[in-house]
Amino acid sequence: MDPIDRLREEIVRTGLLTAPQADDGFVFGTARMRAVGTDVNVNVDPEFDDRSDMDTGTLLAAVERVLTVTDARWGQIVHSVAEELEEAVGDQPVVEATDLRDDLTLTSMAVFHDAVLLSFAAPKQFPDSWIRAQLDEDLDVDGVAVDEKDDDTEVVEFESLDDLLDHLTDDR
């Protein structure tokens, strides 16, 4: 069995992600993140280009660690992200004056062996951008970046995961 398929099977066994799929060298699906109060998209990337082996246990532990973060710890992460952005923006005008901590909405995450990359939307203050925050192994903020959304990217919304899966299989 292919290593990425083995990773997907382990994720299925643990139940960490809903309907995990393996494609293009990583496993993806959705998961409930209690501290956020919603489901988020999760990509589990074993980084085969950077590693000759895959430590499934480390990857699964990293996924579980970030998905089960406490409310208090999540508040610290969001505060750190907002603080770094506020320092970078300084006195520059923003679209809407609101507390960035209330505007940040987690949309997805990528989990690696030794880091997690979080993607946030901030529709009031950064409507045309994604906020990316890298967390280290201890889930401390290791860096924050603002990336402009690509205007040429088509946004497709689905009512359910089944609708998304139907769309994906229809396009193949």
C-alpha atoms as a PDB file:
ATOM      1  CA  MET A   1       0.000   0.000   0.000  1.00  0.00           C
ATOM      2  CA  ASP A   2       1.200   3.505  -0.860  1.00  0.00           C
ATOM      3  CA  PRO A   3       2.443   5.518   2.201  1.00  0.00           C
ATOM      4  CA  ILE A   4      -0.143   8.279   1.698  1.00  0.00           C
ATOM      5  CA  ASP A   5      -2.910   5.666   1.529  1.00  0.00           C
ATOM      6  CA  ARG A   6      -1.580   4.139   4.759  1.00  0.00           C
ATOM      7  CA  LEU A   7      -1.733   7.582   6.362  1.00  0.00           C
ATOM      8  CA  ARG A   8      -5.318   8.016   5.163  1.00  0.00           C
ATOM      9  CA  GLU A   9      -6.235   4.588   6.581  1.00  0.00           C
ATOM     10  CA  GLU A  10      -4.706   5.519   9.966  1.00  0.00           C
ATOM     11  CA  ILE A  11      -6.662   8.781   9.974  1.00  0.00           C
ATOM     12  CA  VAL A  12      -9.850   6.846   9.160  1.00  0.00           C
ATOM     13  CA  ARG A  13      -9.068   4.436  12.011  1.00  0.00           C
ATOM     14  CA  THR A  14      -8.585   7.257  14.522  1.00  0.00           C
ATOM     15  CA  GLY A  15     -11.622   9.223  13.370  1.00  0.00           C
ATOM     16  CA  LEU A  16      -9.696  12.510  13.474  1.00  0.00           C
ATOM     17  CA  LEU A  17     -11.056  13.697  10.113  1.00  0.00           C
ATOM     18  CA  THR A  18     -14.431  13.279   8.486  1.00  0.00           C
ATOM     19  CA  ALA A  19     -14.279  11.459   5.131  1.00  0.00           C
ATOM     20  CA  PRO A  20     -10.511  11.832   4.661  1.00  0.00           C
ATOM     21  CA  GLN A  21      -9.226  11.704   1.098  1.00  0.00           C
ATOM     22  CA  ALA A  22      -5.698  11.101  -0.170  1.00  0.00           C
ATOM     23  CA  ASP A  23      -4.529  13.090  -3.167  1.00  0.00           C
ATOM     24  CA  ASP A  24      -1.357  14.725  -4.450  1.00  0.00           C
ATOM     25  CA  GLY A  25       0.836  13.595  -1.555  1.00  0.00           C
ATOM     26  CA  PHE A  26      -1.343  14.611   1.391  1.00  0.00           C
ATOM     27  CA  VAL A  27      -4.542  13.658   3.204  1.00  0.00           C
ATOM     28  CA  PHE A  28      -7.390  16.114   3.625  1.00  0.00           C
ATOM     29  CA  GLY A  29     -10.809  16.230   5.222  1.00  0.00           C
ATOM     30  CA  THR A  30     -12.772  18.205   7.760  1.00  0.00           C
ATOM     31  CA  ALA A  31     -12.698  18.048  11.521  1.00  0.00           C
ATOM     32  CA  ARG A  32     -14.561  19.590  14.405  1.00  0.00           C
ATOM     33  CA  MET A  33     -12.402  21.987  16.378  1.00  0.00           C
ATOM     34  CA  ARG A  34     -14.171  22.483  19.677  1.00  0.00           C
ATOM     35  CA  ALA A  35     -12.271  25.638  20.661  1.00  0.00           C
ATOM     36  CA  VAL A  36     -13.377  27.314  17.421  1.00  0.00           C
ATOM     37  CA  GLY A  37     -16.877  25.867  17.573  1.00  0.00           C
ATOM     38  CA  THR A  38     -16.977  24.809  13.940  1.00  0.00           C
ATOM     39  CA  ASP A  39     -15.649  22.365  11.390  1.00  0.00           C
ATOM     40  CA  VAL A  40     -12.440  23.312   9.611  1.00  0.00           C
ATOM     41  CA  ASN A  41     -10.636  21.949   6.573  1.00  0.00           C
ATOM     42  CA  VAL A  42      -7.535  19.987   7.568  1.00  0.00           C
ATOM     43  CA  ASN A  43      -4.644  18.998   5.295  1.00  0.00           C
ATOM     44  CA  VAL A  44      -2.153  16.500   6.690  1.00  0.00           C
ATOM     45  CA  ASP A  45       1.102  16.822   4.770  1.00  0.00           C
ATOM     46  CA  PRO A  46       3.882  14.292   5.408  1.00  0.00           C
ATOM     47  CA  GLU A  47       6.271  16.425   3.293  1.00  0.00           C
ATOM     48  CA  PHE A  48       7.697  13.530   1.297  1.00  0.00           C
ATOM     49  CA  ASP A  49      10.052  15.910  -0.522  1.00  0.00           C
ATOM     50  CA  ASP A  50      11.719  16.815   2.778  1.00  0.00           C
ATOM     51  CA  ARG A  51      11.697  13.374   4.394  1.00  0.00           C
ATOM     52  CA  SER A  52      12.629   9.894   3.350  1.00  0.00           C
ATOM     53  CA  ASP A  53      10.259   8.375   5.900  1.00  0.00           C
ATOM     54  CA  MET A  54       6.863   9.198   7.302  1.00  0.00           C
ATOM     55  CA  ASP A  55       6.219   9.170  11.028  1.00  0.00           C
ATOM     56  CA  THR A  56       2.481   8.519  11.077  1.00  0.00           C
ATOM     57  CA  GLY A  57       2.345   8.655  14.876  1.00  0.00           C
ATOM     58  CA  THR A  58       3.894  12.134  14.968  1.00  0.00           C
ATOM     59  CA  LEU A  59       1.508  13.412  12.293  1.00  0.00           C
ATOM     60  CA  LEU A  60      -1.560  11.983  14.006  1.00  0.00           C
ATOM     61  CA  ALA A  61      -0.437  13.398  17.371  1.00  0.00           C
ATOM     62  CA  ALA A  62       0.038  16.827  15.784  1.00  0.00           C
ATOM     63  CA  VAL A  63      -3.449  16.731  14.252  1.00  0.00           C
ATOM     64  CA  GLU A  64      -5.012  15.661  17.536  1.00  0.00           C
ATOM     65  CA  ARG A  65      -3.029  18.270  19.516  1.00  0.00           C
ATOM     66  CA  VAL A  66      -4.265  21.176  17.411  1.00  0.00           C
ATOM     67  CA  LEU A  67      -7.857  19.910  17.135  1.00  0.00           C
ATOM     68  CA  THR A  68      -8.153  19.444  20.909  1.00  0.00           C
ATOM     69  CA  VAL A  69      -6.541  22.709  21.961  1.00  0.00           C
ATOM     70  CA  THR A  70      -8.324  24.225  24.963  1.00  0.00           C
ATOM     71  CA  ASP A  71     -10.433  27.351  24.690  1.00  0.00           C
ATOM     72  CA  ALA A  72      -7.897  29.258  26.785  1.00  0.00           C
ATOM     73  CA  ARG A  73      -4.962  28.138  24.627  1.00  0.00           C
ATOM     74  CA  TRP A  74      -6.888  28.966  21.443  1.00  0.00           C
ATOM     75  CA  GLY A  75      -7.552  32.443  22.852  1.00  0.00           C
ATOM     76  CA  GLN A  76      -3.793  32.864  23.395  1.00  0.00           C
ATOM     77  CA  ILE A  77      -3.069  31.788  19.815  1.00  0.00           C
ATOM     78  CA  VAL A  78      -5.630  34.216  18.370  1.00  0.00           C
ATOM     79  CA  HIS A  79      -4.321  36.989  20.631  1.00  0.00           C
ATOM     80  CA  SER A  80      -0.743  36.370  19.459  1.00  0.00           C
ATOM     81  CA  VAL A  81      -1.787  36.395  15.790  1.00  0.00           C
ATOM     82  CA  ALA A  82      -3.751  39.619  16.242  1.00  0.00           C
ATOM     83  CA  GLU A  83      -0.935  41.228  18.221  1.00  0.00           C
ATOM     84  CA  GLU A  84       1.623  40.483  15.486  1.00  0.00           C
ATOM     85  CA  LEU A  85      -0.704  41.874  12.827  1.00  0.00           C
ATOM     86  CA  GLU A  86      -1.489  44.984  14.843  1.00  0.00           C
ATOM     87  CA  GLU A  87       2.224  45.649  15.331  1.00  0.00           C
ATOM     88  CA  ALA A  88       2.855  45.214  11.600  1.00  0.00           C
ATOM     89  CA  VAL A  89      -0.064  47.428  10.536  1.00  0.00           C
ATOM     90  CA  GLY A  90       0.673  50.144  13.092  1.00  0.00           C
ATOM     91  CA  ASP A  91      -1.345  53.288  12.445  1.00  0.00           C
ATOM     92  CA  GLN A  92      -2.310  52.391   8.881  1.00  0.00           C
ATOM     93  CA  PRO A  93      -6.047  52.643   8.240  1.00  0.00           C
ATOM     94  CA  VAL A  94      -8.108  49.454   8.205  1.00  0.00           C
ATOM     95  CA  VAL A  95     -11.400  48.848   6.425  1.00  0.00           C
ATOM     96  CA  GLU A  96     -13.394  48.636   9.647  1.00  0.00           C
ATOM     97  CA  ALA A  97     -12.267  49.501  13.161  1.00  0.00           C
ATOM     98  CA  THR A  98     -13.076  46.359  15.110  1.00  0.00           C
ATOM     99  CA  ASP A  99     -11.039  44.148  17.387  1.00  0.00           C
ATOM    100  CA  LEU A 100      -9.098  41.848  15.101  1.00  0.00           C
ATOM    101  CA  ARG A 101      -9.491  39.043  17.638  1.00  0.00           C
ATOM    102  CA  ASP A 102     -13.239  39.089  16.935  1.00  0.00           C
ATOM    103  CA  ASP A 103     -12.718  39.261  13.161  1.00  0.00           C
ATOM    104  CA  LEU A 104     -10.332  36.316  12.738  1.00  0.00           C
ATOM    105  CA  THR A 105     -12.132  33.183  11.553  1.00  0.00           C
ATOM    106  CA  LEU A 106     -10.195  29.955  11.140  1.00  0.00           C
ATOM    107  CA  THR A 107     -10.930  28.440   7.717  1.00  0.00           C
ATOM    108  CA  SER A 108      -8.325  25.717   7.352  1.00  0.00           C
ATOM    109  CA  MET A 109      -5.083  24.274   8.607  1.00  0.00           C
ATOM    110  CA  ALA A 110      -2.181  22.297   7.248  1.00  0.00           C
ATOM    111  CA  VAL A 111      -0.493  19.940   9.687  1.00  0.00           C
ATOM    112  CA  PHE A 112       3.146  18.948   9.188  1.00  0.00           C
ATOM    113  CA  HIS A 113       5.495  16.844  11.344  1.00  0.00           C
ATOM    114  CA  ASP A 114       6.842  19.875  13.185  1.00  0.00           C
ATOM    115  CA  ALA A 115       4.468  22.762  12.463  1.00  0.00           C
ATOM    116  CA  VAL A 116       0.883  23.786  11.781  1.00  0.00           C
ATOM    117  CA  LEU A 117      -0.136  26.447   9.274  1.00  0.00           C
ATOM    118  CA  LEU A 118      -3.440  28.138  10.093  1.00  0.00           C
ATOM    119  CA  SER A 119      -5.438  30.107   7.518  1.00  0.00           C
ATOM    120  CA  PHE A 120      -7.809  32.770   8.763  1.00  0.00           C
ATOM    121  CA  ALA A 121     -10.289  35.064   7.089  1.00  0.00           C
ATOM    122  CA  ALA A 122     -10.708  38.524   8.589  1.00  0.00           C
ATOM    123  CA  PRO A 123     -13.589  39.884   6.502  1.00  0.00           C
ATOM    124  CA  LYS A 124     -13.956  43.212   8.288  1.00  0.00           C
ATOM    125  CA  GLN A 125     -10.322  44.302   8.514  1.00  0.00           C
ATOM    126  CA  PHE A 126      -8.678  42.292   5.722  1.00  0.00           C
ATOM    127  CA  PRO A 127     -11.504  41.449   3.283  1.00  0.00           C
ATOM    128  CA  ASP A 128      -9.147  40.867   0.341  1.00  0.00           C
ATOM    129  CA  SER A 129      -6.555  38.814   2.212  1.00  0.00           C
ATOM    130  CA  TRP A 130      -5.869  35.567   3.998  1.00  0.00           C
ATOM    131  CA  ILE A 131      -4.095  35.656   7.332  1.00  0.00           C
ATOM    132  CA  ARG A 132      -1.591  32.805   7.653  1.00  0.00           C
ATOM    133  CA  ALA A 133      -0.096  31.881  11.009  1.00  0.00           C
ATOM    134  CA  GLN A 134       2.549  29.235  11.545  1.00  0.00           C
ATOM    135  CA  LEU A 135       2.598  27.412  14.848  1.00  0.00           C
ATOM    136  CA  ASP A 136       5.574  25.449  16.118  1.00  0.00           C
ATOM    137  CA  GLU A 137       5.429  22.007  17.760  1.00  0.00           C
ATOM    138  CA  ASP A 138       4.294  23.600  21.038  1.00  0.00           C
ATOM    139  CA  LEU A 139       1.514  25.504  19.212  1.00  0.00           C
ATOM    140  CA  ASP A 140       3.238  28.827  19.791  1.00  0.00           C
ATOM    141  CA  VAL A 141       2.902  31.391  16.993  1.00  0.00           C
ATOM    142  CA  ASP A 142       6.092  31.248  14.963  1.00  0.00           C
ATOM    143  CA  GLY A 143       5.142  33.715  12.244  1.00  0.00           C
ATOM    144  CA  VAL A 144       2.230  35.578  10.677  1.00  0.00           C
ATOM    145  CA  ALA A 145       1.727  36.679   7.074  1.00  0.00           C
ATOM    146  CA  VAL A 146      -0.986  38.438   5.120  1.00  0.00           C
ATOM    147  CA  ASP A 147      -1.569  37.043   1.626  1.00  0.00           C
ATOM    148  CA  GLU A 148      -3.806  38.736  -0.898  1.00  0.00           C
ATOM    149  CA  LYS A 149      -6.652  36.624  -2.155  1.00  0.00           C
ATOM    150  CA  ASP A 150      -6.283  35.763  -5.811  1.00  0.00           C
ATOM    151  CA  ASP A 151      -9.015  37.618  -7.717  1.00  0.00           C
ATOM    152  CA  ASP A 152      -8.947  34.938 -10.424  1.00  0.00           C
ATOM    153  CA  THR A 153      -9.758  32.164  -7.953  1.00  0.00           C
ATOM    154  CA  GLU A 154     -13.270  30.830  -8.341  1.00  0.00           C
ATOM    155  CA  VAL A 155     -15.001  30.331  -5.003  1.00  0.00           C
ATOM    156  CA  VAL A 156     -17.348  27.360  -4.987  1.00  0.00           C
ATOM    157  CA  GLU A 157     -19.552  26.702  -1.983  1.00  0.00           C
ATOM    158  CA  PHE A 158     -21.242  23.422  -1.148  1.00  0.00           C
ATOM    159  CA  GLU A 159     -24.182  22.710   1.116  1.00  0.00           C
ATOM    160  CA  SER A 160     -22.634  19.525   2.455  1.00  0.00           C
ATOM    161  CA  LEU A 161     -19.555  17.337   2.331  1.00  0.00           C
ATOM    162  CA  ASP A 162     -21.508  14.915   0.115  1.00  0.00           C
ATOM    163  CA  ASP A 163     -22.093  17.720  -2.408  1.00  0.00           C
ATOM    164  CA  LEU A 164     -18.357  18.506  -2.392  1.00  0.00           C
ATOM    165  CA  LEU A 165     -17.439  14.852  -2.897  1.00  0.00           C
ATOM    166  CA  ASP A 166     -19.981  14.579  -5.741  1.00  0.00           C
ATOM    167  CA  HIS A 167     -18.421  17.634  -7.367  1.00  0.00           C
ATOM    168  CA  LEU A 168     -14.921  16.226  -7.023  1.00  0.00           C
ATOM    169  CA  THR A 169     -15.825  12.847  -8.501  1.00  0.00           C
ATOM    170  CA  ASP A 170     -17.791  14.436 -11.359  1.00  0.00           C
ATOM    171  CA  ASP A 171     -14.722  16.432 -12.430  1.00  0.00           C
ATOM    172  CA  ARG A 172     -12.390  13.417 -12.699  1.00  0.00           C
END
